[in-house]
Amino acid sequence: MSVERTNKMYVWIALGFLLVLPLLYIDFSPKDSIELRKGIAVVRYLSAPRQLNRSAFRSAYPEGRPKQFVKWMFSPVGSSVWPPVEGGGEFSLEEEKMIRKTGMPFLPPGVFLVSDKPDMGKGQQVVVRGDDEHKILVVEGYLNPQDAPVLVKEWGFPLD
């Protein structure tokens, strides 16, 4: 095989790779699933060590166990630090842009955060449970509370 032919082959392989590469970044999940992912991102944000240290959680629960976090998160004090609902009218569009720049996620409209088990009276929801034995938070996303969860995420809970 000649050098010229080999070079052409490499060019075509590179072009093919470049044309296929964008397809790897396309999110084919349904829109509802995207909304649930945003809801899960809110829980991850609230349970991050930085947020826990800035909130009243550590002083209210010095042991800092996952089940205690869930109890605190849905208490009046804990729910007061939840991020706002996206497009909820609490902030202007300009203020929402500024808040997004800080890295704070917004809770999507129509997605509810629920503790421990699905609430049959609500539609799309993110259920947050603490597992003290394994020291993790279990977060499940439901499109319909009567069906199985469409998303399940688990992550270690910082017990510092």
C-alpha atoms as a PDB file:
ATOM      1  CA  MET A   1       0.000   0.000   0.000  1.00  0.00           C
ATOM      2  CA  SER A   2       1.374   3.411  -0.902  1.00  0.00           C
ATOM      3  CA  VAL A   3       1.945   6.192   1.592  1.00  0.00           C
ATOM      4  CA  GLU A   4      -0.562   8.392  -0.207  1.00  0.00           C
ATOM      5  CA  ARG A   5      -3.279   5.746   0.013  1.00  0.00           C
ATOM      6  CA  THR A   6      -2.512   5.126   3.701  1.00  0.00           C
ATOM      7  CA  ASN A   7      -2.786   8.849   4.441  1.00  0.00           C
ATOM      8  CA  LYS A   8      -6.168   9.015   2.682  1.00  0.00           C
ATOM      9  CA  MET A   9      -7.379   6.073   4.730  1.00  0.00           C
ATOM     10  CA  TYR A  10      -6.375   7.802   7.988  1.00  0.00           C
ATOM     11  CA  VAL A  11      -8.110  11.000   6.887  1.00  0.00           C
ATOM     12  CA  TRP A  12     -11.342   9.102   6.184  1.00  0.00           C
ATOM     13  CA  ILE A  13     -11.134   7.296   9.534  1.00  0.00           C
ATOM     14  CA  ALA A  14     -10.593  10.605  11.335  1.00  0.00           C
ATOM     15  CA  LEU A  15     -13.515  12.223   9.493  1.00  0.00           C
ATOM     16  CA  GLY A  16     -15.754   9.280  10.313  1.00  0.00           C
ATOM     17  CA  PHE A  17     -14.783   9.498  13.960  1.00  0.00           C
ATOM     18  CA  LEU A  18     -15.469  13.243  14.021  1.00  0.00           C
ATOM     19  CA  LEU A  19     -18.895  12.729  12.453  1.00  0.00           C
ATOM     20  CA  VAL A  20     -19.866  10.023  14.958  1.00  0.00           C
ATOM     21  CA  LEU A  21     -18.476  11.797  18.033  1.00  0.00           C
ATOM     22  CA  PRO A  22     -21.387  14.275  18.462  1.00  0.00           C
ATOM     23  CA  LEU A  23     -23.837  11.372  18.548  1.00  0.00           C
ATOM     24  CA  LEU A  24     -22.204  10.173  21.766  1.00  0.00           C
ATOM     25  CA  TYR A  25     -23.191  13.402  23.520  1.00  0.00           C
ATOM     26  CA  ILE A  26     -26.856  13.468  22.526  1.00  0.00           C
ATOM     27  CA  ASP A  27     -29.214  12.735  25.398  1.00  0.00           C
ATOM     28  CA  PHE A  28     -31.897  10.393  24.105  1.00  0.00           C
ATOM     29  CA  SER A  29     -33.697  10.125  27.462  1.00  0.00           C
ATOM     30  CA  PRO A  30     -37.278  11.401  27.573  1.00  0.00           C
ATOM     31  CA  LYS A  31     -37.902  14.966  28.767  1.00  0.00           C
ATOM     32  CA  ASP A  32     -39.614  13.705  31.917  1.00  0.00           C
ATOM     33  CA  SER A  33     -36.480  11.819  32.836  1.00  0.00           C
ATOM     34  CA  ILE A  34     -34.478  15.028  32.410  1.00  0.00           C
ATOM     35  CA  GLU A  35     -36.785  16.787  34.872  1.00  0.00           C
ATOM     36  CA  LEU A  36     -36.294  13.982  37.393  1.00  0.00           C
ATOM     37  CA  ARG A  37     -32.530  14.213  36.913  1.00  0.00           C
ATOM     38  CA  LYS A  38     -32.734  17.913  37.758  1.00  0.00           C
ATOM     39  CA  GLY A  39     -34.699  17.041  40.897  1.00  0.00           C
ATOM     40  CA  ILE A  40     -32.050  14.509  41.886  1.00  0.00           C
ATOM     41  CA  ALA A  41     -29.393  17.182  41.288  1.00  0.00           C
ATOM     42  CA  VAL A  42     -31.173  19.354  43.869  1.00  0.00           C
ATOM     43  CA  VAL A  43     -30.897  16.576  46.475  1.00  0.00           C
ATOM     44  CA  ARG A  44     -27.244  16.014  45.593  1.00  0.00           C
ATOM     45  CA  TYR A  45     -26.625  19.758  45.975  1.00  0.00           C
ATOM     46  CA  LEU A  46     -28.336  19.883  49.380  1.00  0.00           C
ATOM     47  CA  SER A  47     -26.435  16.824  50.629  1.00  0.00           C
ATOM     48  CA  ALA A  48     -23.013  18.033  49.488  1.00  0.00           C
ATOM     49  CA  PRO A  49     -20.504  18.514  52.332  1.00  0.00           C
ATOM     50  CA  ARG A  50     -20.176  22.225  51.563  1.00  0.00           C
ATOM     51  CA  GLN A  51     -23.926  22.770  51.872  1.00  0.00           C
ATOM     52  CA  LEU A  52     -24.199  20.636  54.997  1.00  0.00           C
ATOM     53  CA  ASN A  53     -21.489  22.666  56.708  1.00  0.00           C
ATOM     54  CA  ARG A  54     -23.204  25.935  55.762  1.00  0.00           C
ATOM     55  CA  SER A  55     -26.629  24.835  56.989  1.00  0.00           C
ATOM     56  CA  ALA A  56     -28.073  24.138  60.445  1.00  0.00           C
ATOM     57  CA  PHE A  57     -27.975  20.382  59.831  1.00  0.00           C
ATOM     58  CA  ARG A  58     -24.676  19.768  61.648  1.00  0.00           C
ATOM     59  CA  SER A  59     -25.795  21.662  64.740  1.00  0.00           C
ATOM     60  CA  ALA A  60     -29.218  19.986  64.809  1.00  0.00           C
ATOM     61  CA  TYR A  61     -27.800  16.491  64.202  1.00  0.00           C
ATOM     62  CA  PRO A  62     -24.158  16.220  65.327  1.00  0.00           C
ATOM     63  CA  GLU A  63     -23.996  12.514  64.350  1.00  0.00           C
ATOM     64  CA  GLY A  64     -25.036  13.485  60.820  1.00  0.00           C
ATOM     65  CA  ARG A  65     -26.564  10.172  59.704  1.00  0.00           C
ATOM     66  CA  PRO A  66     -28.369   9.806  56.345  1.00  0.00           C
ATOM     67  CA  LYS A  67     -31.811   9.210  57.922  1.00  0.00           C
ATOM     68  CA  GLN A  68     -31.302  12.296  60.061  1.00  0.00           C
ATOM     69  CA  PHE A  69     -30.495  14.281  56.935  1.00  0.00           C
ATOM     70  CA  VAL A  70     -33.767  13.198  55.306  1.00  0.00           C
ATOM     71  CA  LYS A  71     -35.682  14.131  58.462  1.00  0.00           C
ATOM     72  CA  TRP A  72     -33.935  17.522  58.551  1.00  0.00           C
ATOM     73  CA  MET A  73     -34.314  18.127  54.800  1.00  0.00           C
ATOM     74  CA  PHE A  74     -38.099  17.871  55.027  1.00  0.00           C
ATOM     75  CA  SER A  75     -38.369  19.832  58.282  1.00  0.00           C
ATOM     76  CA  PRO A  76     -39.358  23.525  58.172  1.00  0.00           C
ATOM     77  CA  VAL A  77     -35.723  24.545  58.746  1.00  0.00           C
ATOM     78  CA  GLY A  78     -34.337  22.178  56.100  1.00  0.00           C
ATOM     79  CA  SER A  79     -36.949  22.976  53.474  1.00  0.00           C
ATOM     80  CA  SER A  80     -36.198  26.677  53.887  1.00  0.00           C
ATOM     81  CA  VAL A  81     -32.799  26.140  52.222  1.00  0.00           C
ATOM     82  CA  TRP A  82     -34.182  24.277  49.197  1.00  0.00           C
ATOM     83  CA  PRO A  83     -33.346  25.908  45.884  1.00  0.00           C
ATOM     84  CA  PRO A  84     -36.213  27.787  44.231  1.00  0.00           C
ATOM     85  CA  VAL A  85     -38.543  26.327  41.619  1.00  0.00           C
ATOM     86  CA  GLU A  86     -37.397  27.046  38.083  1.00  0.00           C
ATOM     87  CA  GLY A  87     -39.558  29.774  36.561  1.00  0.00           C
ATOM     88  CA  GLY A  88     -41.658  29.899  39.729  1.00  0.00           C
ATOM     89  CA  GLY A  89     -41.882  33.685  39.729  1.00  0.00           C
ATOM     90  CA  GLU A  90     -39.833  34.021  42.899  1.00  0.00           C
ATOM     91  CA  PHE A  91     -37.023  35.637  40.909  1.00  0.00           C
ATOM     92  CA  SER A  92     -36.826  37.545  37.643  1.00  0.00           C
ATOM     93  CA  LEU A  93     -35.158  35.861  34.676  1.00  0.00           C
ATOM     94  CA  GLU A  94     -32.062  37.986  35.230  1.00  0.00           C
ATOM     95  CA  GLU A  95     -31.883  36.963  38.890  1.00  0.00           C
ATOM     96  CA  GLU A  96     -32.320  33.296  37.925  1.00  0.00           C
ATOM     97  CA  LYS A  97     -29.365  33.601  35.537  1.00  0.00           C
ATOM     98  CA  MET A  98     -27.223  35.049  38.320  1.00  0.00           C
ATOM     99  CA  ILE A  99     -28.252  32.267  40.723  1.00  0.00           C
ATOM    100  CA  ARG A 100     -27.410  29.622  38.112  1.00  0.00           C
ATOM    101  CA  LYS A 101     -23.912  31.081  37.808  1.00  0.00           C
ATOM    102  CA  THR A 102     -23.337  30.253  41.488  1.00  0.00           C
ATOM    103  CA  GLY A 103     -23.922  26.570  40.701  1.00  0.00           C
ATOM    104  CA  MET A 104     -27.229  26.261  42.531  1.00  0.00           C
ATOM    105  CA  PRO A 105     -29.655  23.967  40.695  1.00  0.00           C
ATOM    106  CA  PHE A 106     -33.323  24.860  40.396  1.00  0.00           C
ATOM    107  CA  LEU A 107     -36.129  22.463  41.260  1.00  0.00           C
ATOM    108  CA  PRO A 108     -38.076  21.799  38.047  1.00  0.00           C
ATOM    109  CA  PRO A 109     -41.752  22.768  38.082  1.00  0.00           C
ATOM    110  CA  GLY A 110     -44.032  19.765  38.472  1.00  0.00           C
ATOM    111  CA  VAL A 111     -41.414  17.629  40.250  1.00  0.00           C
ATOM    112  CA  PHE A 112     -41.971  17.077  43.958  1.00  0.00           C
ATOM    113  CA  LEU A 113     -39.398  16.117  46.571  1.00  0.00           C
ATOM    114  CA  VAL A 114     -40.793  13.462  48.923  1.00  0.00           C
ATOM    115  CA  SER A 115     -39.287  11.666  51.911  1.00  0.00           C
ATOM    116  CA  ASP A 116     -39.018   7.895  52.401  1.00  0.00           C
ATOM    117  CA  LYS A 117     -41.760   6.515  50.115  1.00  0.00           C
ATOM    118  CA  PRO A 118     -43.737   7.683  47.072  1.00  0.00           C
ATOM    119  CA  ASP A 119     -46.723   9.946  47.672  1.00  0.00           C
ATOM    120  CA  MET A 120     -49.629   8.526  45.656  1.00  0.00           C
ATOM    121  CA  GLY A 121     -51.281  11.958  45.502  1.00  0.00           C
ATOM    122  CA  LYS A 122     -48.438  13.563  43.575  1.00  0.00           C
ATOM    123  CA  GLY A 123     -47.225  12.968  40.038  1.00  0.00           C
ATOM    124  CA  GLN A 124     -43.550  13.176  39.116  1.00  0.00           C
ATOM    125  CA  GLN A 125     -41.506  12.947  42.264  1.00  0.00           C
ATOM    126  CA  VAL A 126     -38.082  12.367  43.682  1.00  0.00           C
ATOM    127  CA  VAL A 127     -38.131  10.169  46.782  1.00  0.00           C
ATOM    128  CA  VAL A 128     -35.252  10.617  49.219  1.00  0.00           C
ATOM    129  CA  ARG A 129     -34.337   7.873  51.705  1.00  0.00           C
ATOM    130  CA  GLY A 130     -31.427   7.533  54.068  1.00  0.00           C
ATOM    131  CA  ASP A 131     -29.676   4.208  54.618  1.00  0.00           C
ATOM    132  CA  ASP A 132     -27.746   4.442  57.892  1.00  0.00           C
ATOM    133  CA  GLU A 133     -26.421   0.894  57.624  1.00  0.00           C
ATOM    134  CA  HIS A 134     -24.628   1.536  54.326  1.00  0.00           C
ATOM    135  CA  LYS A 135     -24.124   5.277  54.999  1.00  0.00           C
ATOM    136  CA  ILE A 136     -25.737   6.312  51.724  1.00  0.00           C
ATOM    137  CA  LEU A 137     -28.613   8.367  50.413  1.00  0.00           C
ATOM    138  CA  VAL A 138     -30.965   6.555  48.052  1.00  0.00           C
ATOM    139  CA  VAL A 139     -32.830   8.828  45.654  1.00  0.00           C
ATOM    140  CA  GLU A 140     -35.499   7.458  43.314  1.00  0.00           C
ATOM    141  CA  GLY A 141     -37.231   9.286  40.477  1.00  0.00           C
ATOM    142  CA  TYR A 142     -40.837   8.382  39.691  1.00  0.00           C
ATOM    143  CA  LEU A 143     -42.832   9.491  36.664  1.00  0.00           C
ATOM    144  CA  ASN A 144     -45.875   7.850  38.246  1.00  0.00           C
ATOM    145  CA  PRO A 145     -45.835   6.881  41.943  1.00  0.00           C
ATOM    146  CA  GLN A 146     -47.752   3.669  41.217  1.00  0.00           C
ATOM    147  CA  ASP A 147     -45.036   2.434  38.857  1.00  0.00           C
ATOM    148  CA  ALA A 148     -41.469   1.399  39.577  1.00  0.00           C
ATOM    149  CA  PRO A 149     -38.882   4.186  39.743  1.00  0.00           C
ATOM    150  CA  VAL A 150     -37.375   5.158  36.398  1.00  0.00           C
ATOM    151  CA  LEU A 151     -34.183   6.469  38.012  1.00  0.00           C
ATOM    152  CA  VAL A 152     -32.358   5.288  41.116  1.00  0.00           C
ATOM    153  CA  LYS A 153     -29.228   7.036  42.362  1.00  0.00           C
ATOM    154  CA  GLU A 154     -27.197   6.252  45.451  1.00  0.00           C
ATOM    155  CA  TRP A 155     -24.242   8.099  46.875  1.00  0.00           C
ATOM    156  CA  GLY A 156     -22.228   8.085  50.049  1.00  0.00           C
ATOM    157  CA  PHE A 157     -23.339  10.486  52.718  1.00  0.00           C
ATOM    158  CA  PRO A 158     -20.531  12.485  54.343  1.00  0.00           C
ATOM    159  CA  LEU A 159     -20.485  11.679  58.053  1.00  0.00           C
ATOM    160  CA  ASP A 160     -17.578  13.973  59.010  1.00  0.00           C
END
